[in-house]
């Protein structure tokens, strides 16, 4: 379950990075 939590956090961070890059483009 810990691994699943880490994957979930990584997914959220990726979404945040994508959302931050959209306004620039």
Protein backbone atom coordinates (compact mmCIF):
# COMPACT_ATOMS: atom_id res chain seq x y z
CA UNK A 1 0.00 0.00 0.00
CA UNK A 2 2.95 2.30 0.65
CA UNK A 3 4.11 1.83 -2.94
CA UNK A 4 0.61 2.73 -4.16
CA UNK A 5 0.72 5.92 -2.10
CA UNK A 6 4.09 6.88 -3.60
CA UNK A 7 2.78 6.27 -7.12
CA UNK A 8 -0.28 8.38 -6.33
CA UNK A 9 1.89 11.26 -5.06
CA UNK A 10 4.09 11.03 -8.17
CA UNK A 11 0.96 11.13 -10.36
CA UNK A 12 -0.32 14.22 -8.53
CA UNK A 13 3.06 15.95 -8.87
CA UNK A 14 3.09 15.14 -12.59
CA UNK A 15 -0.39 16.67 -12.97
CA UNK A 16 0.76 19.81 -11.12
CA UNK A 17 3.81 20.13 -13.41
CA UNK A 18 1.60 19.66 -16.50
CA UNK A 19 -0.89 22.25 -15.22
CA UNK A 20 1.99 24.68 -14.56
CA UNK A 21 3.39 24.19 -18.08
CA UNK A 22 0.07 24.72 -19.89
CA UNK A 23 -0.15 28.52 -19.25
CA UNK A 24 3.40 28.96 -20.58
CA UNK A 25 2.50 27.28 -23.86
